[in-house]
Amino acid sequence: METKKLRSMKDDMIFIGPGFLFFFVIVLISFVLGVYFSFTEWNGVDADAVWVGVENYKEVFSGDKQAGVAALFTARFTAVSVVISNLLAFSLALILTRALKTNNVMRTIIFLPNIIGGIILGFIWRFIFVNSFKTMGSLTGIGFFSLPWLGTAETGFWASVIVFIWQRTGYLMVIYIAAIVGIDEHLIEAARIDGATGRQLLGRIIIPLTIPAITICLFLALSWTTKMFDVIYALTRGGPFGSTETFAMNIYFEAFSSNNYGLGSAKAIVFFIVVGIISTTQVLTTKKWEVEG
């Protein structure tokens, strides 16, 4: 019996150990160091960091105007992108779970943007907004294509939303498709026999039974949008005038461009706590709906 237990522990260490080791070295140790540096003033070059206590945290909440702008942009971007991407993904999933000959092809086409890397995707869409849309506007005379997509704060915001939705909707759609396909067909057939309309089927059977998928998709979308960095960095570099700078970008600029690692670490810790609270609240709330459903 003891031999089997030791063998089981050995197998666990073989398969789980390397992953845990990398997580411990790369994530946990870095996090602990980040907490320490958030209480210091350090430029990343000097051998010693000067302990300043909570001064960095005071500056985060009181003295950094651009951090406030970045936080507001991130909050607005997150709210809009999460709602639109999930509604669109769920709608596409409903359509592509019907008996259509082009189902597999359409699923593949919609999912493909998700495999494109963030930096590359940002540069591709930057070319589209700056060059392709301008050409389309000249040829067609349609005002939509002639907008200064990366030239103003408002159009830059919506350009960022468009790129996110284009990239991530397909991934969320696949999760919703799996949830809808997993619904017992007998429930739907019984409801139809009882005279349920399409709207009633959606509201009383399909949506309640896909709440677990909604929980996952909302969590993923929240995680992606709050941490958005690479795509928007390649797309706008936070411009014009910092209007499309996400909070993750603000942390990066503070630490690596301004060489203020202490304040950058403090911003990162505050960001971690806020995102953790929001994500936990979302999961607990939708889990409650899942139980009730």
C-alpha atoms as a PDB file:
ATOM      1  CA  MET A   1       0.000   0.000   0.000  1.00  0.00           C
ATOM      2  CA  GLU A   2       2.832   2.338   0.941  1.00  0.00           C
ATOM      3  CA  THR A   3       4.627   1.453  -2.279  1.00  0.00           C
ATOM      4  CA  LYS A   4       1.616   2.429  -4.368  1.00  0.00           C
ATOM      5  CA  LYS A   5       1.333   5.733  -2.518  1.00  0.00           C
ATOM      6  CA  LEU A   6       5.025   6.507  -3.061  1.00  0.00           C
ATOM      7  CA  ARG A   7       4.709   5.543  -6.720  1.00  0.00           C
ATOM      8  CA  SER A   8       1.697   7.820  -7.069  1.00  0.00           C
ATOM      9  CA  MET A   9       3.591  10.708  -5.451  1.00  0.00           C
ATOM     10  CA  LYS A  10       6.544  10.058  -7.753  1.00  0.00           C
ATOM     11  CA  ASP A  11       4.281  10.154 -10.808  1.00  0.00           C
ATOM     12  CA  ASP A  12       2.722  13.387  -9.586  1.00  0.00           C
ATOM     13  CA  MET A  13       6.135  14.964  -9.150  1.00  0.00           C
ATOM     14  CA  ILE A  14       7.224  13.857 -12.616  1.00  0.00           C
ATOM     15  CA  PHE A  15       4.195  15.322 -14.364  1.00  0.00           C
ATOM     16  CA  ILE A  16       3.311  18.262 -12.110  1.00  0.00           C
ATOM     17  CA  GLY A  17       6.728  19.115 -10.688  1.00  0.00           C
ATOM     18  CA  PRO A  18       8.308  20.835 -13.728  1.00  0.00           C
ATOM     19  CA  GLY A  19       5.245  23.000 -14.318  1.00  0.00           C
ATOM     20  CA  PHE A  20       5.030  23.953 -10.642  1.00  0.00           C
ATOM     21  CA  LEU A  21       8.763  24.740 -10.586  1.00  0.00           C
ATOM     22  CA  PHE A  22       8.474  27.116 -13.539  1.00  0.00           C
ATOM     23  CA  PHE A  23       5.358  28.701 -11.998  1.00  0.00           C
ATOM     24  CA  PHE A  24       7.154  29.152  -8.673  1.00  0.00           C
ATOM     25  CA  VAL A  25      10.286  30.689 -10.216  1.00  0.00           C
ATOM     26  CA  ILE A  26       8.669  32.841 -12.917  1.00  0.00           C
ATOM     27  CA  VAL A  27       5.363  33.856 -11.304  1.00  0.00           C
ATOM     28  CA  LEU A  28       5.430  33.530  -7.523  1.00  0.00           C
ATOM     29  CA  ILE A  29       8.966  34.816  -6.922  1.00  0.00           C
ATOM     30  CA  SER A  30       8.398  37.674  -9.379  1.00  0.00           C
ATOM     31  CA  PHE A  31       5.162  38.569  -7.615  1.00  0.00           C
ATOM     32  CA  VAL A  32       6.811  38.629  -4.195  1.00  0.00           C
ATOM     33  CA  LEU A  33       9.661  40.788  -5.535  1.00  0.00           C
ATOM     34  CA  GLY A  34       7.088  43.090  -7.128  1.00  0.00           C
ATOM     35  CA  VAL A  35       5.368  43.539  -3.768  1.00  0.00           C
ATOM     36  CA  TYR A  36       8.708  44.395  -2.181  1.00  0.00           C
ATOM     37  CA  PHE A  37       9.721  46.893  -4.873  1.00  0.00           C
ATOM     38  CA  SER A  38       6.307  48.578  -4.642  1.00  0.00           C
ATOM     39  CA  PHE A  39       7.439  49.917  -1.263  1.00  0.00           C
ATOM     40  CA  THR A  40      10.730  51.239  -2.620  1.00  0.00           C
ATOM     41  CA  GLU A  41      12.120  53.876  -4.930  1.00  0.00           C
ATOM     42  CA  TRP A  42      14.293  52.153  -7.524  1.00  0.00           C
ATOM     43  CA  ASN A  43      15.335  53.035 -11.078  1.00  0.00           C
ATOM     44  CA  GLY A  44      16.330  49.521 -12.081  1.00  0.00           C
ATOM     45  CA  VAL A  45      20.038  50.442 -12.299  1.00  0.00           C
ATOM     46  CA  ASP A  46      21.228  51.220  -8.777  1.00  0.00           C
ATOM     47  CA  ALA A  47      22.340  48.309  -6.649  1.00  0.00           C
ATOM     48  CA  ASP A  48      20.078  49.254  -3.746  1.00  0.00           C
ATOM     49  CA  ALA A  49      16.420  50.230  -3.658  1.00  0.00           C
ATOM     50  CA  VAL A  50      15.429  52.982  -1.216  1.00  0.00           C
ATOM     51  CA  TRP A  51      12.558  52.029   1.118  1.00  0.00           C
ATOM     52  CA  VAL A  52       9.763  54.648   0.927  1.00  0.00           C
ATOM     53  CA  GLY A  53       6.867  52.778   2.531  1.00  0.00           C
ATOM     54  CA  VAL A  54       3.429  53.494   1.088  1.00  0.00           C
ATOM     55  CA  GLU A  55       4.448  56.658  -0.783  1.00  0.00           C
ATOM     56  CA  ASN A  56       4.136  54.915  -4.158  1.00  0.00           C
ATOM     57  CA  TYR A  57       0.594  53.813  -3.353  1.00  0.00           C
ATOM     58  CA  LYS A  58      -0.320  57.354  -2.302  1.00  0.00           C
ATOM     59  CA  GLU A  59       0.935  58.612  -5.648  1.00  0.00           C
ATOM     60  CA  VAL A  60      -1.038  55.972  -7.532  1.00  0.00           C
ATOM     61  CA  PHE A  61      -4.303  57.181  -5.992  1.00  0.00           C
ATOM     62  CA  SER A  62      -3.600  60.915  -5.912  1.00  0.00           C
ATOM     63  CA  GLY A  63      -0.804  62.218  -8.088  1.00  0.00           C
ATOM     64  CA  ASP A  64      -0.817  60.370 -11.417  1.00  0.00           C
ATOM     65  CA  LYS A  65      -3.244  61.911 -13.898  1.00  0.00           C
ATOM     66  CA  GLN A  66      -2.264  59.649 -16.803  1.00  0.00           C
ATOM     67  CA  ALA A  67      -2.841  56.558 -14.669  1.00  0.00           C
ATOM     68  CA  GLY A  68      -6.399  57.792 -14.093  1.00  0.00           C
ATOM     69  CA  VAL A  69      -6.890  58.285 -17.841  1.00  0.00           C
ATOM     70  CA  ALA A  70      -5.550  54.785 -18.497  1.00  0.00           C
ATOM     71  CA  ALA A  71      -7.790  53.292 -15.805  1.00  0.00           C
ATOM     72  CA  LEU A  72     -10.891  54.951 -17.265  1.00  0.00           C
ATOM     73  CA  PHE A  73     -10.004  53.795 -20.775  1.00  0.00           C
ATOM     74  CA  THR A  74      -9.425  50.242 -19.520  1.00  0.00           C
ATOM     75  CA  ALA A  75     -12.735  50.211 -17.642  1.00  0.00           C
ATOM     76  CA  ARG A  76     -14.667  51.533 -20.641  1.00  0.00           C
ATOM     77  CA  PHE A  77     -12.870  49.234 -23.073  1.00  0.00           C
ATOM     78  CA  THR A  78     -13.514  46.234 -20.815  1.00  0.00           C
ATOM     79  CA  ALA A  79     -17.223  46.955 -20.340  1.00  0.00           C
ATOM     80  CA  VAL A  80     -17.937  47.519 -24.035  1.00  0.00           C
ATOM     81  CA  SER A  81     -15.747  44.715 -25.378  1.00  0.00           C
ATOM     82  CA  VAL A  82     -16.923  42.065 -22.905  1.00  0.00           C
ATOM     83  CA  VAL A  83     -20.597  42.728 -23.608  1.00  0.00           C
ATOM     84  CA  ILE A  84     -20.347  42.973 -27.403  1.00  0.00           C
ATOM     85  CA  SER A  85     -17.959  40.024 -27.847  1.00  0.00           C
ATOM     86  CA  ASN A  86     -20.087  37.702 -25.704  1.00  0.00           C
ATOM     87  CA  LEU A  87     -23.381  38.720 -27.294  1.00  0.00           C
ATOM     88  CA  LEU A  88     -21.905  38.298 -30.772  1.00  0.00           C
ATOM     89  CA  ALA A  89     -20.244  34.992 -29.889  1.00  0.00           C
ATOM     90  CA  PHE A  90     -23.458  33.597 -28.388  1.00  0.00           C
ATOM     91  CA  SER A  91     -25.493  34.741 -31.417  1.00  0.00           C
ATOM     92  CA  LEU A  92     -23.023  33.124 -33.826  1.00  0.00           C
ATOM     93  CA  ALA A  93     -23.085  29.942 -31.746  1.00  0.00           C
ATOM     94  CA  LEU A  94     -26.884  29.792 -32.001  1.00  0.00           C
ATOM     95  CA  ILE A  95     -26.683  30.197 -35.771  1.00  0.00           C
ATOM     96  CA  LEU A  96     -23.851  27.717 -36.294  1.00  0.00           C
ATOM     97  CA  THR A  97     -25.450  24.948 -34.226  1.00  0.00           C
ATOM     98  CA  ARG A  98     -28.273  24.698 -36.719  1.00  0.00           C
ATOM     99  CA  ALA A  99     -28.235  22.191 -39.589  1.00  0.00           C
ATOM    100  CA  LEU A 100     -26.290  24.277 -42.124  1.00  0.00           C
ATOM    101  CA  LYS A 101     -23.987  22.856 -44.787  1.00  0.00           C
ATOM    102  CA  THR A 102     -21.382  25.570 -44.196  1.00  0.00           C
ATOM    103  CA  ASN A 103     -21.219  25.146 -40.411  1.00  0.00           C
ATOM    104  CA  ASN A 104     -17.682  23.763 -40.222  1.00  0.00           C
ATOM    105  CA  VAL A 105     -16.286  26.227 -42.722  1.00  0.00           C
ATOM    106  CA  MET A 106     -17.874  29.213 -40.990  1.00  0.00           C
ATOM    107  CA  ARG A 107     -16.713  28.063 -37.555  1.00  0.00           C
ATOM    108  CA  THR A 108     -13.156  27.756 -38.857  1.00  0.00           C
ATOM    109  CA  ILE A 109     -13.190  31.176 -40.534  1.00  0.00           C
ATOM    110  CA  ILE A 110     -14.555  32.926 -37.439  1.00  0.00           C
ATOM    111  CA  PHE A 111     -12.087  31.155 -35.121  1.00  0.00           C
ATOM    112  CA  LEU A 112      -8.965  31.779 -37.260  1.00  0.00           C
ATOM    113  CA  PRO A 113      -8.232  35.368 -36.055  1.00  0.00           C
ATOM    114  CA  ASN A 114      -7.651  33.994 -32.552  1.00  0.00           C
ATOM    115  CA  ILE A 115      -4.461  32.213 -33.642  1.00  0.00           C
ATOM    116  CA  ILE A 116      -2.804  35.415 -34.898  1.00  0.00           C
ATOM    117  CA  GLY A 117      -0.278  36.860 -32.435  1.00  0.00           C
ATOM    118  CA  GLY A 118      -1.091  40.135 -30.677  1.00  0.00           C
ATOM    119  CA  ILE A 119       1.748  42.302 -32.020  1.00  0.00           C
ATOM    120  CA  ILE A 120       1.284  41.037 -35.575  1.00  0.00           C
ATOM    121  CA  LEU A 121      -2.466  41.524 -35.312  1.00  0.00           C
ATOM    122  CA  GLY A 122      -1.976  45.110 -34.139  1.00  0.00           C
ATOM    123  CA  PHE A 123       0.297  45.934 -37.074  1.00  0.00           C
ATOM    124  CA  ILE A 124      -2.107  44.288 -39.543  1.00  0.00           C
ATOM    125  CA  TRP A 125      -5.058  46.330 -38.291  1.00  0.00           C
ATOM    126  CA  ARG A 126      -2.950  49.465 -38.138  1.00  0.00           C
ATOM    127  CA  PHE A 127      -2.304  49.033 -41.866  1.00  0.00           C
ATOM    128  CA  ILE A 128      -6.014  48.368 -42.455  1.00  0.00           C
ATOM    129  CA  PHE A 129      -7.177  51.476 -40.561  1.00  0.00           C
ATOM    130  CA  VAL A 130      -4.519  53.813 -41.964  1.00  0.00           C
ATOM    131  CA  ASN A 131      -4.191  52.581 -45.559  1.00  0.00           C
ATOM    132  CA  SER A 132      -6.901  50.114 -46.582  1.00  0.00           C
ATOM    133  CA  PHE A 133      -9.816  52.047 -45.061  1.00  0.00           C
ATOM    134  CA  LYS A 134      -8.538  55.281 -46.593  1.00  0.00           C
ATOM    135  CA  THR A 135      -8.442  53.670 -50.022  1.00  0.00           C
ATOM    136  CA  MET A 136     -11.897  52.155 -49.553  1.00  0.00           C
ATOM    137  CA  GLY A 137     -13.254  55.546 -48.515  1.00  0.00           C
ATOM    138  CA  SER A 138     -11.789  57.200 -51.609  1.00  0.00           C
ATOM    139  CA  LEU A 139     -13.235  54.534 -53.905  1.00  0.00           C
ATOM    140  CA  THR A 140     -16.676  54.209 -52.359  1.00  0.00           C
ATOM    141  CA  GLY A 141     -17.265  57.590 -50.757  1.00  0.00           C
ATOM    142  CA  ILE A 142     -18.532  55.871 -47.610  1.00  0.00           C
ATOM    143  CA  GLY A 143     -17.817  58.046 -44.587  1.00  0.00           C
ATOM    144  CA  PHE A 144     -17.207  55.076 -42.307  1.00  0.00           C
ATOM    145  CA  PHE A 145     -13.968  54.232 -44.118  1.00  0.00           C
ATOM    146  CA  SER A 146     -12.792  57.847 -44.206  1.00  0.00           C
ATOM    147  CA  LEU A 147     -12.862  58.340 -40.434  1.00  0.00           C
ATOM    148  CA  PRO A 148      -9.525  59.118 -38.720  1.00  0.00           C
ATOM    149  CA  TRP A 149      -9.608  55.738 -37.012  1.00  0.00           C
ATOM    150  CA  LEU A 150      -6.337  56.138 -35.119  1.00  0.00           C
ATOM    151  CA  GLY A 151      -6.322  59.920 -35.085  1.00  0.00           C
ATOM    152  CA  THR A 152      -8.807  60.817 -32.343  1.00  0.00           C
ATOM    153  CA  ALA A 153      -9.554  59.527 -28.867  1.00  0.00           C
ATOM    154  CA  GLU A 154     -13.068  58.323 -29.748  1.00  0.00           C
ATOM    155  CA  THR A 155     -12.227  56.593 -33.023  1.00  0.00           C
ATOM    156  CA  GLY A 156      -9.096  55.122 -31.433  1.00  0.00           C
ATOM    157  CA  PHE A 157     -11.257  53.613 -28.710  1.00  0.00           C
ATOM    158  CA  TRP A 158     -13.645  52.013 -31.184  1.00  0.00           C
ATOM    159  CA  ALA A 159     -10.760  50.831 -33.353  1.00  0.00           C
ATOM    160  CA  SER A 160      -9.388  48.995 -30.302  1.00  0.00           C
ATOM    161  CA  VAL A 161     -12.804  47.472 -29.601  1.00  0.00           C
ATOM    162  CA  ILE A 162     -13.193  46.335 -33.224  1.00  0.00           C
ATOM    163  CA  VAL A 163      -9.816  44.599 -33.221  1.00  0.00           C
ATOM    164  CA  PHE A 164     -10.496  42.835 -29.916  1.00  0.00           C
ATOM    165  CA  ILE A 165     -13.912  41.602 -31.041  1.00  0.00           C
ATOM    166  CA  TRP A 166     -12.518  40.439 -34.387  1.00  0.00           C
ATOM    167  CA  GLN A 167      -9.776  38.466 -32.651  1.00  0.00           C
ATOM    168  CA  ARG A 168     -11.538  36.955 -29.647  1.00  0.00           C
ATOM    169  CA  THR A 169     -15.168  36.370 -30.644  1.00  0.00           C
ATOM    170  CA  GLY A 170     -14.344  33.121 -32.422  1.00  0.00           C
ATOM    171  CA  TYR A 171     -12.779  31.597 -29.313  1.00  0.00           C
ATOM    172  CA  LEU A 172     -15.790  32.477 -27.173  1.00  0.00           C
ATOM    173  CA  MET A 173     -18.096  31.189 -29.910  1.00  0.00           C
ATOM    174  CA  VAL A 174     -16.478  27.735 -29.770  1.00  0.00           C
ATOM    175  CA  ILE A 175     -17.158  27.521 -26.017  1.00  0.00           C
ATOM    176  CA  TYR A 176     -20.792  28.535 -26.515  1.00  0.00           C
ATOM    177  CA  ILE A 177     -21.192  26.031 -29.348  1.00  0.00           C
ATOM    178  CA  ALA A 178     -19.922  23.228 -27.105  1.00  0.00           C
ATOM    179  CA  ALA A 179     -22.403  24.254 -24.398  1.00  0.00           C
ATOM    180  CA  ILE A 180     -25.375  24.471 -26.755  1.00  0.00           C
ATOM    181  CA  VAL A 181     -24.557  21.162 -28.464  1.00  0.00           C
ATOM    182  CA  GLY A 182     -24.352  19.546 -25.024  1.00  0.00           C
ATOM    183  CA  ILE A 183     -27.969  20.394 -24.179  1.00  0.00           C
ATOM    184  CA  ASP A 184     -30.188  17.313 -24.111  1.00  0.00           C
ATOM    185  CA  GLU A 185     -32.230  17.354 -27.322  1.00  0.00           C
ATOM    186  CA  HIS A 186     -35.124  15.673 -25.524  1.00  0.00           C
ATOM    187  CA  LEU A 187     -35.661  18.811 -23.427  1.00  0.00           C
ATOM    188  CA  ILE A 188     -35.897  20.970 -26.526  1.00  0.00           C
ATOM    189  CA  GLU A 189     -38.170  18.511 -28.315  1.00  0.00           C
ATOM    190  CA  ALA A 190     -40.454  18.273 -25.266  1.00  0.00           C
ATOM    191  CA  ALA A 191     -40.657  22.063 -25.065  1.00  0.00           C
ATOM    192  CA  ARG A 192     -41.540  22.318 -28.750  1.00  0.00           C
ATOM    193  CA  ILE A 193     -44.245  19.687 -28.367  1.00  0.00           C
ATOM    194  CA  ASP A 194     -45.677  21.746 -25.493  1.00  0.00           C
ATOM    195  CA  GLY A 195     -45.877  24.725 -27.845  1.00  0.00           C
ATOM    196  CA  ALA A 196     -42.825  26.735 -26.737  1.00  0.00           C
ATOM    197  CA  THR A 197     -41.778  29.486 -29.122  1.00  0.00           C
ATOM    198  CA  GLY A 198     -38.214  30.130 -30.213  1.00  0.00           C
ATOM    199  CA  ARG A 199     -37.918  32.991 -27.740  1.00  0.00           C
ATOM    200  CA  GLN A 200     -39.203  30.802 -24.909  1.00  0.00           C
ATOM    201  CA  LEU A 201     -36.764  28.039 -25.817  1.00  0.00           C
ATOM    202  CA  LEU A 202     -33.925  30.542 -25.721  1.00  0.00           C
ATOM    203  CA  GLY A 203     -34.936  32.221 -22.472  1.00  0.00           C
ATOM    204  CA  ARG A 204     -36.073  29.208 -20.448  1.00  0.00           C
ATOM    205  CA  ILE A 205     -33.913  26.332 -21.687  1.00  0.00           C
ATOM    206  CA  ILE A 206     -30.887  27.316 -23.766  1.00  0.00           C
ATOM    207  CA  ILE A 207     -29.637  30.304 -21.763  1.00  0.00           C
ATOM    208  CA  PRO A 208     -30.150  28.725 -18.286  1.00  0.00           C
ATOM    209  CA  LEU A 209     -28.362  25.555 -19.389  1.00  0.00           C
ATOM    210  CA  THR A 210     -25.434  27.477 -20.887  1.00  0.00           C
ATOM    211  CA  ILE A 211     -24.747  29.542 -17.746  1.00  0.00           C
ATOM    212  CA  PRO A 212     -21.547  27.518 -17.033  1.00  0.00           C
ATOM    213  CA  ALA A 213     -20.250  28.527 -20.475  1.00  0.00           C
ATOM    214  CA  ILE A 214     -21.316  32.127 -19.866  1.00  0.00           C
ATOM    215  CA  THR A 215     -19.331  32.092 -16.616  1.00  0.00           C
ATOM    216  CA  ILE A 216     -16.212  30.905 -18.439  1.00  0.00           C
ATOM    217  CA  CYS A 217     -16.605  33.285 -21.371  1.00  0.00           C
ATOM    218  CA  LEU A 218     -17.206  36.334 -19.181  1.00  0.00           C
ATOM    219  CA  PHE A 219     -14.161  35.447 -17.087  1.00  0.00           C
ATOM    220  CA  LEU A 220     -11.967  34.983 -20.163  1.00  0.00           C
ATOM    221  CA  ALA A 221     -13.166  38.207 -21.760  1.00  0.00           C
ATOM    222  CA  LEU A 222     -12.593  40.132 -18.523  1.00  0.00           C
ATOM    223  CA  SER A 223      -9.106  38.684 -18.247  1.00  0.00           C
ATOM    224  CA  TRP A 224      -8.229  39.524 -21.849  1.00  0.00           C
ATOM    225  CA  THR A 225      -9.560  43.072 -21.825  1.00  0.00           C
ATOM    226  CA  THR A 226      -8.182  44.166 -18.461  1.00  0.00           C
ATOM    227  CA  LYS A 227      -4.702  42.895 -19.359  1.00  0.00           C
ATOM    228  CA  MET A 228      -4.801  44.187 -22.953  1.00  0.00           C
ATOM    229  CA  PHE A 229      -1.360  45.372 -23.958  1.00  0.00           C
ATOM    230  CA  ASP A 230       0.285  43.989 -27.083  1.00  0.00           C
ATOM    231  CA  VAL A 231      -2.484  44.586 -29.635  1.00  0.00           C
ATOM    232  CA  ILE A 232      -3.222  48.165 -28.583  1.00  0.00           C
ATOM    233  CA  TYR A 233       0.492  48.923 -28.198  1.00  0.00           C
ATOM    234  CA  ALA A 234       1.100  47.868 -31.812  1.00  0.00           C
ATOM    235  CA  LEU A 235      -2.093  49.567 -32.970  1.00  0.00           C
ATOM    236  CA  THR A 236      -1.912  53.003 -31.345  1.00  0.00           C
ATOM    237  CA  ARG A 237       1.052  53.052 -28.891  1.00  0.00           C
ATOM    238  CA  GLY A 238      -1.496  54.527 -26.493  1.00  0.00           C
ATOM    239  CA  GLY A 239      -2.146  57.559 -28.685  1.00  0.00           C
ATOM    240  CA  PRO A 240      -3.307  60.014 -29.595  1.00  0.00           C
ATOM    241  CA  PHE A 241      -1.947  61.831 -26.512  1.00  0.00           C
ATOM    242  CA  GLY A 242      -2.357  58.808 -24.241  1.00  0.00           C
ATOM    243  CA  SER A 243      -6.100  58.524 -24.870  1.00  0.00           C
ATOM    244  CA  THR A 244      -5.967  54.792 -25.739  1.00  0.00           C
ATOM    245  CA  GLU A 245      -3.388  53.826 -23.146  1.00  0.00           C
ATOM    246  CA  THR A 246      -4.493  50.813 -21.123  1.00  0.00           C
ATOM    247  CA  PHE A 247      -3.526  50.462 -17.476  1.00  0.00           C
ATOM    248  CA  ALA A 248      -1.205  47.589 -18.386  1.00  0.00           C
ATOM    249  CA  MET A 249       0.574  49.910 -20.828  1.00  0.00           C
ATOM    250  CA  ASN A 250       0.750  52.620 -18.181  1.00  0.00           C
ATOM    251  CA  ILE A 251       2.508  50.185 -15.830  1.00  0.00           C
ATOM    252  CA  TYR A 252       4.946  49.254 -18.595  1.00  0.00           C
ATOM    253  CA  PHE A 253       5.735  52.879 -19.448  1.00  0.00           C
ATOM    254  CA  GLU A 254       6.187  53.767 -15.777  1.00  0.00           C
ATOM    255  CA  ALA A 255       8.581  50.928 -15.059  1.00  0.00           C
ATOM    256  CA  PHE A 256      10.529  50.517 -18.283  1.00  0.00           C
ATOM    257  CA  SER A 257      10.307  53.905 -20.024  1.00  0.00           C
ATOM    258  CA  SER A 258      10.463  56.183 -16.979  1.00  0.00           C
ATOM    259  CA  ASN A 259      12.698  53.746 -15.038  1.00  0.00           C
ATOM    260  CA  ASN A 260      10.479  54.080 -11.983  1.00  0.00           C
ATOM    261  CA  TYR A 261      10.207  50.455 -10.925  1.00  0.00           C
ATOM    262  CA  GLY A 262       8.856  51.241  -7.484  1.00  0.00           C
ATOM    263  CA  LEU A 263       5.833  53.187  -8.691  1.00  0.00           C
ATOM    264  CA  GLY A 264       5.342  50.778 -11.573  1.00  0.00           C
ATOM    265  CA  SER A 265       5.270  47.845  -9.143  1.00  0.00           C
ATOM    266  CA  ALA A 266       2.766  49.663  -6.912  1.00  0.00           C
ATOM    267  CA  LYS A 267       0.495  50.230  -9.909  1.00  0.00           C
ATOM    268  CA  ALA A 268       0.815  46.559 -10.833  1.00  0.00           C
ATOM    269  CA  ILE A 269      -0.162  45.410  -7.328  1.00  0.00           C
ATOM    270  CA  VAL A 270      -3.172  47.752  -7.236  1.00  0.00           C
ATOM    271  CA  PHE A 271      -4.154  46.544 -10.710  1.00  0.00           C
ATOM    272  CA  PHE A 272      -3.835  42.910  -9.606  1.00  0.00           C
ATOM    273  CA  ILE A 273      -6.106  43.485  -6.603  1.00  0.00           C
ATOM    274  CA  VAL A 274      -8.763  45.372  -8.581  1.00  0.00           C
ATOM    275  CA  VAL A 275      -8.868  42.807 -11.395  1.00  0.00           C
ATOM    276  CA  GLY A 276      -8.954  39.990  -8.841  1.00  0.00           C
ATOM    277  CA  ILE A 277     -11.943  41.527  -7.043  1.00  0.00           C
ATOM    278  CA  ILE A 278     -13.835  42.135 -10.299  1.00  0.00           C
ATOM    279  CA  SER A 279     -13.136  38.638 -11.650  1.00  0.00           C
ATOM    280  CA  THR A 280     -14.054  36.923  -8.379  1.00  0.00           C
ATOM    281  CA  THR A 281     -17.289  38.899  -8.126  1.00  0.00           C
ATOM    282  CA  GLN A 282     -18.199  38.001 -11.703  1.00  0.00           C
ATOM    283  CA  VAL A 283     -17.525  34.289 -11.203  1.00  0.00           C
ATOM    284  CA  LEU A 284     -19.423  34.100  -7.908  1.00  0.00           C
ATOM    285  CA  THR A 285     -22.389  35.987  -9.382  1.00  0.00           C
ATOM    286  CA  THR A 286     -22.716  33.851 -12.507  1.00  0.00           C
ATOM    287  CA  LYS A 287     -22.096  30.697 -10.494  1.00  0.00           C
ATOM    288  CA  LYS A 288     -25.105  31.652  -8.379  1.00  0.00           C
ATOM    289  CA  TRP A 289     -27.183  31.942 -11.533  1.00  0.00           C
ATOM    290  CA  GLU A 290     -25.812  28.575 -12.641  1.00  0.00           C
ATOM    291  CA  VAL A 291     -27.049  26.903  -9.433  1.00  0.00           C
ATOM    292  CA  GLU A 292     -30.443  28.555  -9.762  1.00  0.00           C
ATOM    293  CA  GLY A 293     -30.648  27.594 -13.403  1.00  0.00           C
END
